[in-house]
Amino acid sequence: VSKAAVLSVGGYCELYDDPSMYGFEDSELVCALFESGLR
């Protein structure tokens, strides 16, 4: 994916760094990119 596209949605959401959570950071990024118009 383009670096610009990833940065435009803020990169990986750091809320998922909460140690009481595990996973879904990748799904979060993909959804954000899809919602921004990428296919």
PDB file of all heavy atoms in Angstrom:
ATOM      1  N   VAL A   1       0.863  -1.181   0.000  1.00  0.00           N
ATOM      2  CA  VAL A   1       0.000   0.000   0.000  1.00  0.00           C
ATOM      3  C   VAL A   1       0.899   1.231   0.000  1.00  0.00           C
ATOM      4  O   VAL A   1       2.074   1.164   0.379  1.00  0.00           O
ATOM      5  CB  VAL A   1      -0.927  -0.022   1.252  1.00  0.00           C
ATOM      6  CG1 VAL A   1      -0.126   0.089   2.534  1.00  0.00           C
ATOM      7  CG2 VAL A   1      -2.000   1.050   1.182  1.00  0.00           C
ATOM      8  N   SER A   2       0.371   2.358  -0.426  1.00  0.00           N
ATOM      9  CA  SER A   2       1.195   3.569  -0.436  1.00  0.00           C
ATOM     10  C   SER A   2       1.379   4.105   0.984  1.00  0.00           C
ATOM     11  O   SER A   2       0.481   4.037   1.826  1.00  0.00           O
ATOM     12  CB  SER A   2       0.570   4.652  -1.326  1.00  0.00           C
ATOM     13  OG  SER A   2      -0.499   5.301  -0.675  1.00  0.00           O
ATOM     14  N   LYS A   3       2.560   4.640   1.215  1.00  0.00           N
ATOM     15  CA  LYS A   3       2.850   5.243   2.522  1.00  0.00           C
ATOM     16  C   LYS A   3       1.910   6.415   2.785  1.00  0.00           C
ATOM     17  O   LYS A   3       1.412   6.588   3.906  1.00  0.00           O
ATOM     18  CB  LYS A   3       4.313   5.698   2.567  1.00  0.00           C
ATOM     19  CG  LYS A   3       4.737   6.356   3.875  1.00  0.00           C
ATOM     20  CD  LYS A   3       6.220   6.721   3.858  1.00  0.00           C
ATOM     21  CE  LYS A   3       6.638   7.418   5.143  1.00  0.00           C
ATOM     22  NZ  LYS A   3       8.088   7.736   5.149  1.00  0.00           N
ATOM     23  N   ALA A   4       1.639   7.209   1.751  1.00  0.00           N
ATOM     24  CA  ALA A   4       0.751   8.366   1.914  1.00  0.00           C
ATOM     25  C   ALA A   4      -0.638   7.937   2.365  1.00  0.00           C
ATOM     26  O   ALA A   4      -1.261   8.598   3.211  1.00  0.00           O
ATOM     27  CB  ALA A   4       0.674   9.152   0.611  1.00  0.00           C
ATOM     28  N   ALA A   5      -1.146   6.828   1.802  1.00  0.00           N
ATOM     29  CA  ALA A   5      -2.476   6.351   2.183  1.00  0.00           C
ATOM     30  C   ALA A   5      -2.508   5.938   3.648  1.00  0.00           C
ATOM     31  O   ALA A   5      -3.467   6.248   4.377  1.00  0.00           O
ATOM     32  CB  ALA A   5      -2.889   5.182   1.300  1.00  0.00           C
ATOM     33  N   VAL A   6      -1.464   5.239   4.085  1.00  0.00           N
ATOM     34  CA  VAL A   6      -1.417   4.805   5.483  1.00  0.00           C
ATOM     35  C   VAL A   6      -1.337   6.003   6.428  1.00  0.00           C
ATOM     36  O   VAL A   6      -2.049   6.072   7.436  1.00  0.00           O
ATOM     37  CB  VAL A   6      -0.223   3.848   5.714  1.00  0.00           C
ATOM     38  CG1 VAL A   6      -0.071   3.527   7.201  1.00  0.00           C
ATOM     39  CG2 VAL A   6      -0.404   2.559   4.915  1.00  0.00           C
ATOM     40  N   LEU A   7      -0.500   6.969   6.086  1.00  0.00           N
ATOM     41  CA  LEU A   7      -0.371   8.150   6.939  1.00  0.00           C
ATOM     42  C   LEU A   7      -1.646   8.985   6.936  1.00  0.00           C
ATOM     43  O   LEU A   7      -1.975   9.637   7.937  1.00  0.00           O
ATOM     44  CB  LEU A   7       0.821   8.991   6.487  1.00  0.00           C
ATOM     45  CG  LEU A   7       2.204   8.351   6.679  1.00  0.00           C
ATOM     46  CD1 LEU A   7       3.291   9.277   6.135  1.00  0.00           C
ATOM     47  CD2 LEU A   7       2.463   8.038   8.151  1.00  0.00           C
ATOM     48  N   SER A   8      -2.379   8.966   5.818  1.00  0.00           N
ATOM     49  CA  SER A   8      -3.600   9.782   5.732  1.00  0.00           C
ATOM     50  C   SER A   8      -4.684   9.315   6.696  1.00  0.00           C
ATOM     51  O   SER A   8      -5.570  10.095   7.067  1.00  0.00           O
ATOM     52  CB  SER A   8      -4.147   9.769   4.295  1.00  0.00           C
ATOM     53  OG  SER A   8      -4.759   8.521   3.988  1.00  0.00           O
ATOM     54  N   VAL A   9      -4.640   8.033   7.100  1.00  0.00           N
ATOM     55  CA  VAL A   9      -5.621   7.533   8.069  1.00  0.00           C
ATOM     56  C   VAL A   9      -5.020   7.434   9.479  1.00  0.00           C
ATOM     57  O   VAL A   9      -5.613   6.849  10.378  1.00  0.00           O
ATOM     58  CB  VAL A   9      -6.192   6.165   7.634  1.00  0.00           C
ATOM     59  CG1 VAL A   9      -6.919   6.294   6.307  1.00  0.00           C
ATOM     60  CG2 VAL A   9      -5.110   5.087   7.562  1.00  0.00           C
ATOM     61  N   GLY A  10      -3.820   8.011   9.638  1.00  0.00           N
ATOM     62  CA  GLY A  10      -3.214   8.042  10.960  1.00  0.00           C
ATOM     63  C   GLY A  10      -2.362   6.830  11.311  1.00  0.00           C
ATOM     64  O   GLY A  10      -1.968   6.662  12.463  1.00  0.00           O
ATOM     65  N   GLY A  11      -2.091   5.973  10.313  1.00  0.00           N
ATOM     66  CA  GLY A  11      -1.296   4.778  10.590  1.00  0.00           C
ATOM     67  C   GLY A  11      -2.074   3.782  11.429  1.00  0.00           C
ATOM     68  O   GLY A  11      -3.306   3.751  11.420  1.00  0.00           O
ATOM     69  N   TYR A  12      -1.347   2.969  12.162  1.00  0.00           N
ATOM     70  CA  TYR A  12      -1.989   1.997  13.054  1.00  0.00           C
ATOM     71  C   TYR A  12      -2.564   2.720  14.268  1.00  0.00           C
ATOM     72  O   TYR A  12      -1.913   3.602  14.849  1.00  0.00           O
ATOM     73  CB  TYR A  12      -0.980   0.948  13.524  1.00  0.00           C
ATOM     74  CG  TYR A  12      -0.713  -0.135  12.507  1.00  0.00           C
ATOM     75  CD1 TYR A  12       0.195   0.056  11.475  1.00  0.00           C
ATOM     76  CD2 TYR A  12      -1.393  -1.354  12.561  1.00  0.00           C
ATOM     77  CE1 TYR A  12       0.433  -0.931  10.530  1.00  0.00           C
ATOM     78  CE2 TYR A  12      -1.167  -2.348  11.631  1.00  0.00           C
ATOM     79  CZ  TYR A  12      -0.252  -2.129  10.614  1.00  0.00           C
ATOM     80  OH  TYR A  12      -0.023  -3.106   9.685  1.00  0.00           O
ATOM     81  N   CYS A  13      -3.777   2.359  14.637  1.00  0.00           N
ATOM     82  CA  CYS A  13      -4.449   3.004  15.767  1.00  0.00           C
ATOM     83  C   CYS A  13      -3.794   2.556  17.073  1.00  0.00           C
ATOM     84  O   CYS A  13      -3.844   1.373  17.435  1.00  0.00           O
ATOM     85  CB  CYS A  13      -5.929   2.645  15.755  1.00  0.00           C
ATOM     86  SG  CYS A  13      -6.835   3.285  17.175  1.00  0.00           S
ATOM     87  N   GLU A  14      -3.215   3.499  17.793  1.00  0.00           N
ATOM     88  CA  GLU A  14      -2.450   3.159  18.994  1.00  0.00           C
ATOM     89  C   GLU A  14      -3.320   2.843  20.204  1.00  0.00           C
ATOM     90  O   GLU A  14      -2.809   2.430  21.252  1.00  0.00           O
ATOM     91  CB  GLU A  14      -1.437   4.268  19.283  1.00  0.00           C
ATOM     92  CG  GLU A  14      -0.390   4.364  18.170  1.00  0.00           C
ATOM     93  CD  GLU A  14       0.622   5.493  18.333  1.00  0.00           C
ATOM     94  OE1 GLU A  14       0.671   6.083  19.435  1.00  0.00           O
ATOM     95  OE2 GLU A  14       1.352   5.785  17.356  1.00  0.00           O
ATOM     96  N   LEU A  15      -4.645   2.981  20.045  1.00  0.00           N
ATOM     97  CA  LEU A  15      -5.543   2.534  21.119  1.00  0.00           C
ATOM     98  C   LEU A  15      -5.384   1.032  21.364  1.00  0.00           C
ATOM     99  O   LEU A  15      -5.607   0.546  22.482  1.00  0.00           O
ATOM    100  CB  LEU A  15      -6.996   2.845  20.767  1.00  0.00           C
ATOM    101  CG  LEU A  15      -7.401   4.320  20.707  1.00  0.00           C
ATOM    102  CD1 LEU A  15      -8.830   4.447  20.201  1.00  0.00           C
ATOM    103  CD2 LEU A  15      -7.270   4.963  22.090  1.00  0.00           C
ATOM    104  N   TYR A  16      -4.986   0.296  20.320  1.00  0.00           N
ATOM    105  CA  TYR A  16      -4.846  -1.155  20.440  1.00  0.00           C
ATOM    106  C   TYR A  16      -3.575  -1.560  21.190  1.00  0.00           C
ATOM    107  O   TYR A  16      -3.367  -2.747  21.437  1.00  0.00           O
ATOM    108  CB  TYR A  16      -4.873  -1.810  19.053  1.00  0.00           C
ATOM    109  CG  TYR A  16      -6.221  -1.737  18.395  1.00  0.00           C
ATOM    110  CD1 TYR A  16      -6.574  -0.643  17.617  1.00  0.00           C
ATOM    111  CD2 TYR A  16      -7.162  -2.749  18.552  1.00  0.00           C
ATOM    112  CE1 TYR A  16      -7.823  -0.556  17.014  1.00  0.00           C
ATOM    113  CE2 TYR A  16      -8.412  -2.676  17.953  1.00  0.00           C
ATOM    114  CZ  TYR A  16      -8.733  -1.574  17.189  1.00  0.00           C
ATOM    115  OH  TYR A  16      -9.967  -1.497  16.594  1.00  0.00           O
ATOM    116  N   ASP A  17      -2.747  -0.593  21.567  1.00  0.00           N
ATOM    117  CA  ASP A  17      -1.566  -0.890  22.381  1.00  0.00           C
ATOM    118  C   ASP A  17      -1.929  -1.087  23.854  1.00  0.00           C
ATOM    119  O   ASP A  17      -1.064  -1.438  24.657  1.00  0.00           O
ATOM    120  CB  ASP A  17      -0.531   0.232  22.256  1.00  0.00           C
ATOM    121  CG  ASP A  17       0.267   0.137  20.959  1.00  0.00           C
ATOM    122  OD1 ASP A  17       0.283  -0.954  20.364  1.00  0.00           O
ATOM    123  OD2 ASP A  17       0.868   1.151  20.557  1.00  0.00           O
ATOM    124  N   ASP A  18      -3.185  -0.858  24.196  1.00  0.00           N
ATOM    125  CA  ASP A  18      -3.660  -1.135  25.556  1.00  0.00           C
ATOM    126  C   ASP A  18      -3.332  -2.598  25.882  1.00  0.00           C
ATOM    127  O   ASP A  18      -3.770  -3.511  25.184  1.00  0.00           O
ATOM    128  CB  ASP A  18      -5.180  -0.902  25.606  1.00  0.00           C
ATOM    129  CG  ASP A  18      -5.777  -1.110  26.988  1.00  0.00           C
ATOM    130  OD1 ASP A  18      -5.195  -1.870  27.789  1.00  0.00           O
ATOM    131  OD2 ASP A  18      -6.842  -0.536  27.255  1.00  0.00           O
ATOM    132  N   PRO A  19      -2.547  -2.857  26.938  1.00  0.00           N
ATOM    133  CA  PRO A  19      -2.144  -4.242  27.247  1.00  0.00           C
ATOM    134  C   PRO A  19      -3.297  -5.169  27.608  1.00  0.00           C
ATOM    135  O   PRO A  19      -3.117  -6.389  27.629  1.00  0.00           O
ATOM    136  CB  PRO A  19      -1.174  -4.082  28.416  1.00  0.00           C
ATOM    137  CG  PRO A  19      -1.486  -2.746  29.010  1.00  0.00           C
ATOM    138  CD  PRO A  19      -1.931  -1.888  27.867  1.00  0.00           C
ATOM    139  N   SER A  20      -4.486  -4.604  27.860  1.00  0.00           N
ATOM    140  CA  SER A  20      -5.640  -5.452  28.144  1.00  0.00           C
ATOM    141  C   SER A  20      -6.310  -5.942  26.864  1.00  0.00           C
ATOM    142  O   SER A  20      -7.313  -6.656  26.926  1.00  0.00           O
ATOM    143  CB  SER A  20      -6.657  -4.702  29.008  1.00  0.00           C
ATOM    144  OG  SER A  20      -7.248  -3.628  28.290  1.00  0.00           O
ATOM    145  N   MET A  21      -5.745  -5.560  25.696  1.00  0.00           N
ATOM    146  CA  MET A  21      -6.290  -5.984  24.410  1.00  0.00           C
ATOM    147  C   MET A  21      -5.269  -6.831  23.671  1.00  0.00           C
ATOM    148  O   MET A  21      -4.071  -6.791  23.943  1.00  0.00           O
ATOM    149  CB  MET A  21      -6.650  -4.780  23.539  1.00  0.00           C
ATOM    150  CG  MET A  21      -7.707  -3.871  24.103  1.00  0.00           C
ATOM    151  SD  MET A  21      -8.138  -2.589  22.900  1.00  0.00           S
ATOM    152  CE  MET A  21      -9.049  -1.460  23.967  1.00  0.00           C
ATOM    153  N   TYR A  22      -5.771  -7.593  22.702  1.00  0.00           N
ATOM    154  CA  TYR A  22      -4.884  -8.349  21.809  1.00  0.00           C
ATOM    155  C   TYR A  22      -5.536  -8.460  20.441  1.00  0.00           C
ATOM    156  O   TYR A  22      -6.696  -8.858  20.318  1.00  0.00           O
ATOM    157  CB  TYR A  22      -4.616  -9.754  22.360  1.00  0.00           C
ATOM    158  CG  TYR A  22      -3.789 -10.610  21.432  1.00  0.00           C
ATOM    159  CD1 TYR A  22      -2.433 -10.381  21.282  1.00  0.00           C
ATOM    160  CD2 TYR A  22      -4.381 -11.622  20.686  1.00  0.00           C
ATOM    161  CE1 TYR A  22      -1.670 -11.142  20.414  1.00  0.00           C
ATOM    162  CE2 TYR A  22      -3.622 -12.398  19.808  1.00  0.00           C
ATOM    163  CZ  TYR A  22      -2.275 -12.156  19.682  1.00  0.00           C
ATOM    164  OH  TYR A  22      -1.526 -12.914  18.818  1.00  0.00           O
ATOM    165  N   GLY A  23      -4.770  -8.100  19.392  1.00  0.00           N
ATOM    166  CA  GLY A  23      -5.253  -8.274  18.033  1.00  0.00           C
ATOM    167  C   GLY A  23      -6.095  -7.124  17.500  1.00  0.00           C
ATOM    168  O   GLY A  23      -6.343  -6.127  18.184  1.00  0.00           O
ATOM    169  N   PHE A  24      -6.488  -7.247  16.258  1.00  0.00           N
ATOM    170  CA  PHE A  24      -7.391  -6.354  15.517  1.00  0.00           C
ATOM    171  C   PHE A  24      -6.757  -5.044  15.066  1.00  0.00           C
ATOM    172  O   PHE A  24      -7.409  -4.253  14.399  1.00  0.00           O
ATOM    173  CB  PHE A  24      -8.687  -6.074  16.303  1.00  0.00           C
ATOM    174  CG  PHE A  24      -9.630  -7.228  16.286  1.00  0.00           C
ATOM    175  CD1 PHE A  24      -9.609  -8.166  17.307  1.00  0.00           C
ATOM    176  CD2 PHE A  24     -10.510  -7.412  15.232  1.00  0.00           C
ATOM    177  CE1 PHE A  24     -10.447  -9.270  17.281  1.00  0.00           C
ATOM    178  CE2 PHE A  24     -11.350  -8.508  15.198  1.00  0.00           C
ATOM    179  CZ  PHE A  24     -11.318  -9.440  16.226  1.00  0.00           C
ATOM    180  N   GLU A  25      -5.485  -4.809  15.398  1.00  0.00           N
ATOM    181  CA  GLU A  25      -4.860  -3.582  14.907  1.00  0.00           C
ATOM    182  C   GLU A  25      -4.721  -3.601  13.388  1.00  0.00           C
ATOM    183  O   GLU A  25      -4.866  -2.562  12.722  1.00  0.00           O
ATOM    184  CB  GLU A  25      -3.492  -3.358  15.577  1.00  0.00           C
ATOM    185  CG  GLU A  25      -2.379  -4.310  15.167  1.00  0.00           C
ATOM    186  CD  GLU A  25      -2.496  -5.689  15.805  1.00  0.00           C
ATOM    187  OE1 GLU A  25      -3.204  -5.829  16.827  1.00  0.00           O
ATOM    188  OE2 GLU A  25      -1.846  -6.623  15.284  1.00  0.00           O
ATOM    189  N   ASP A  26      -4.467  -4.789  12.812  1.00  0.00           N
ATOM    190  CA  ASP A  26      -4.378  -4.897  11.354  1.00  0.00           C
ATOM    191  C   ASP A  26      -5.747  -4.693  10.705  1.00  0.00           C
ATOM    192  O   ASP A  26      -5.876  -4.005   9.688  1.00  0.00           O
ATOM    193  CB  ASP A  26      -3.837  -6.271  10.944  1.00  0.00           C
ATOM    194  CG  ASP A  26      -2.409  -6.495  11.397  1.00  0.00           C
ATOM    195  OD1 ASP A  26      -1.593  -5.588  11.208  1.00  0.00           O
ATOM    196  OD2 ASP A  26      -2.119  -7.558  11.945  1.00  0.00           O
ATOM    197  N   SER A  27      -6.769  -5.316  11.295  1.00  0.00           N
ATOM    198  CA  SER A  27      -8.129  -5.151  10.773  1.00  0.00           C
ATOM    199  C   SER A  27      -8.559  -3.693  10.824  1.00  0.00           C
ATOM    200  O   SER A  27      -9.212  -3.188   9.898  1.00  0.00           O
ATOM    201  CB  SER A  27      -9.102  -6.013  11.585  1.00  0.00           C
ATOM    202  OG  SER A  27      -8.781  -7.381  11.482  1.00  0.00           O
ATOM    203  N   GLU A  28      -8.191  -3.013  11.891  1.00  0.00           N
ATOM    204  CA  GLU A  28      -8.501  -1.589  12.042  1.00  0.00           C
ATOM    205  C   GLU A  28      -7.907  -0.782  10.895  1.00  0.00           C
ATOM    206  O   GLU A  28      -8.590   0.044  10.270  1.00  0.00           O
ATOM    207  CB  GLU A  28      -7.948  -1.098  13.374  1.00  0.00           C
ATOM    208  CG  GLU A  28      -7.936   0.406  13.560  1.00  0.00           C
ATOM    209  CD  GLU A  28      -9.291   0.983  13.899  1.00  0.00           C
ATOM    210  OE1 GLU A  28     -10.077   0.287  14.551  1.00  0.00           O
ATOM    211  OE2 GLU A  28      -9.555   2.128  13.501  1.00  0.00           O
ATOM    212  N   LEU A  29      -6.627  -1.019  10.587  1.00  0.00           N
ATOM    213  CA  LEU A  29      -5.974  -0.269   9.514  1.00  0.00           C
ATOM    214  C   LEU A  29      -6.617  -0.565   8.169  1.00  0.00           C
ATOM    215  O   LEU A  29      -6.880   0.347   7.373  1.00  0.00           O
ATOM    216  CB  LEU A  29      -4.482  -0.605   9.462  1.00  0.00           C
ATOM    217  CG  LEU A  29      -3.700   0.064   8.322  1.00  0.00           C
ATOM    218  CD1 LEU A  29      -3.734   1.581   8.462  1.00  0.00           C
ATOM    219  CD2 LEU A  29      -2.259  -0.444   8.280  1.00  0.00           C
ATOM    220  N   VAL A  30      -6.887  -1.826   7.879  1.00  0.00           N
ATOM    221  CA  VAL A  30      -7.490  -2.191   6.597  1.00  0.00           C
ATOM    222  C   VAL A  30      -8.857  -1.544   6.431  1.00  0.00           C
ATOM    223  O   VAL A  30      -9.194  -1.018   5.367  1.00  0.00           O
ATOM    224  CB  VAL A  30      -7.583  -3.720   6.464  1.00  0.00           C
ATOM    225  CG1 VAL A  30      -8.390  -4.102   5.230  1.00  0.00           C
ATOM    226  CG2 VAL A  30      -6.191  -4.334   6.377  1.00  0.00           C
ATOM    227  N   CYS A  31      -9.661  -1.561   7.477  1.00  0.00           N
ATOM    228  CA  CYS A  31     -10.985  -0.935   7.406  1.00  0.00           C
ATOM    229  C   CYS A  31     -10.857   0.569   7.164  1.00  0.00           C
ATOM    230  O   CYS A  31     -11.601   1.145   6.360  1.00  0.00           O
ATOM    231  CB  CYS A  31     -11.761  -1.201   8.695  1.00  0.00           C
ATOM    232  SG  CYS A  31     -13.044  -2.451   8.527  1.00  0.00           S
ATOM    233  N   ALA A  32      -9.927   1.201   7.864  1.00  0.00           N
ATOM    234  CA  ALA A  32      -9.733   2.642   7.694  1.00  0.00           C
ATOM    235  C   ALA A  32      -9.317   2.965   6.258  1.00  0.00           C
ATOM    236  O   ALA A  32      -9.805   3.932   5.658  1.00  0.00           O
ATOM    237  CB  ALA A  32      -8.690   3.146   8.678  1.00  0.00           C
ATOM    238  N   LEU A  33      -8.436   2.144   5.685  1.00  0.00           N
ATOM    239  CA  LEU A  33      -8.006   2.367   4.304  1.00  0.00           C
ATOM    240  C   LEU A  33      -9.159   2.151   3.331  1.00  0.00           C
ATOM    241  O   LEU A  33      -9.339   2.924   2.370  1.00  0.00           O
ATOM    242  CB  LEU A  33      -6.846   1.436   3.968  1.00  0.00           C
ATOM    243  CG  LEU A  33      -5.515   1.754   4.663  1.00  0.00           C
ATOM    244  CD1 LEU A  33      -4.527   0.614   4.471  1.00  0.00           C
ATOM    245  CD2 LEU A  33      -4.926   3.061   4.134  1.00  0.00           C
ATOM    246  N   PHE A  34      -9.946   1.108   3.557  1.00  0.00           N
ATOM    247  CA  PHE A  34     -11.093   0.825   2.698  1.00  0.00           C
ATOM    248  C   PHE A  34     -12.100   1.970   2.763  1.00  0.00           C
ATOM    249  O   PHE A  34     -12.629   2.419   1.730  1.00  0.00           O
ATOM    250  CB  PHE A  34     -11.745  -0.485   3.119  1.00  0.00           C
ATOM    251  CG  PHE A  34     -12.832  -0.963   2.201  1.00  0.00           C
ATOM    252  CD1 PHE A  34     -12.521  -1.621   1.020  1.00  0.00           C
ATOM    253  CD2 PHE A  34     -14.168  -0.757   2.515  1.00  0.00           C
ATOM    254  CE1 PHE A  34     -13.530  -2.067   0.166  1.00  0.00           C
ATOM    255  CE2 PHE A  34     -15.180  -1.195   1.666  1.00  0.00           C
ATOM    256  CZ  PHE A  34     -14.851  -1.851   0.495  1.00  0.00           C
ATOM    257  N   GLU A  35     -12.357   2.463   3.958  1.00  0.00           N
ATOM    258  CA  GLU A  35     -13.316   3.554   4.130  1.00  0.00           C
ATOM    259  C   GLU A  35     -12.790   4.865   3.541  1.00  0.00           C
ATOM    260  O   GLU A  35     -13.568   5.760   3.214  1.00  0.00           O
ATOM    261  CB  GLU A  35     -13.643   3.719   5.616  1.00  0.00           C
ATOM    262  CG  GLU A  35     -14.483   2.551   6.159  1.00  0.00           C
ATOM    263  CD  GLU A  35     -14.533   2.490   7.678  1.00  0.00           C
ATOM    264  OE1 GLU A  35     -13.933   3.368   8.338  1.00  0.00           O
ATOM    265  OE2 GLU A  35     -15.156   1.552   8.202  1.00  0.00           O
ATOM    266  N   SER A  36     -11.463   4.970   3.383  1.00  0.00           N
ATOM    267  CA  SER A  36     -10.882   6.169   2.769  1.00  0.00           C
ATOM    268  C   SER A  36     -10.967   6.138   1.250  1.00  0.00           C
ATOM    269  O   SER A  36     -10.624   7.120   0.587  1.00  0.00           O
ATOM    270  CB  SER A  36      -9.423   6.323   3.203  1.00  0.00           C
ATOM    271  OG  SER A  36      -8.583   5.405   2.509  1.00  0.00           O
ATOM    272  N   GLY A  37     -11.388   4.996   0.687  1.00  0.00           N
ATOM    273  CA  GLY A  37     -11.568   4.899  -0.757  1.00  0.00           C
ATOM    274  C   GLY A  37     -10.692   3.876  -1.448  1.00  0.00           C
ATOM    275  O   GLY A  37     -10.869   3.610  -2.645  1.00  0.00           O
ATOM    276  N   LEU A  38      -9.726   3.287  -0.745  1.00  0.00           N
ATOM    277  CA  LEU A  38      -8.887   2.267  -1.362  1.00  0.00           C
ATOM    278  C   LEU A  38      -9.676   0.984  -1.577  1.00  0.00           C
ATOM    279  O   LEU A  38     -10.591   0.668  -0.818  1.00  0.00           O
ATOM    280  CB  LEU A  38      -7.656   1.970  -0.497  1.00  0.00           C
ATOM    281  CG  LEU A  38      -6.381   2.737  -0.854  1.00  0.00           C
ATOM    282  CD1 LEU A  38      -6.586   4.230  -0.647  1.00  0.00           C
ATOM    283  CD2 LEU A  38      -5.200   2.240  -0.043  1.00  0.00           C
ATOM    284  N   ARG A  39      -9.304   0.250  -2.599  1.00  0.00           N
ATOM    285  CA  ARG A  39      -9.903  -1.050  -2.871  1.00  0.00           C
ATOM    286  C   ARG A  39      -8.809  -2.095  -2.860  1.00  0.00           C
ATOM    287  O   ARG A  39      -7.630  -1.786  -2.891  1.00  0.00           O
ATOM    288  CB  ARG A  39     -10.659  -1.026  -4.199  1.00  0.00           C
ATOM    289  CG  ARG A  39     -11.891  -0.120  -4.135  1.00  0.00           C
ATOM    290  CD  ARG A  39     -12.874  -0.582  -3.062  1.00  0.00           C
ATOM    291  NE  ARG A  39     -14.012   0.303  -2.882  1.00  0.00           N
ATOM    292  CZ  ARG A  39     -14.143   1.145  -1.874  1.00  0.00           C
ATOM    293  NH1 ARG A  39     -13.178   1.270  -0.971  1.00  0.00           N
ATOM    294  NH2 ARG A  39     -15.228   1.890  -1.759  1.00  0.00           N
TER     295      ARG A  39
END
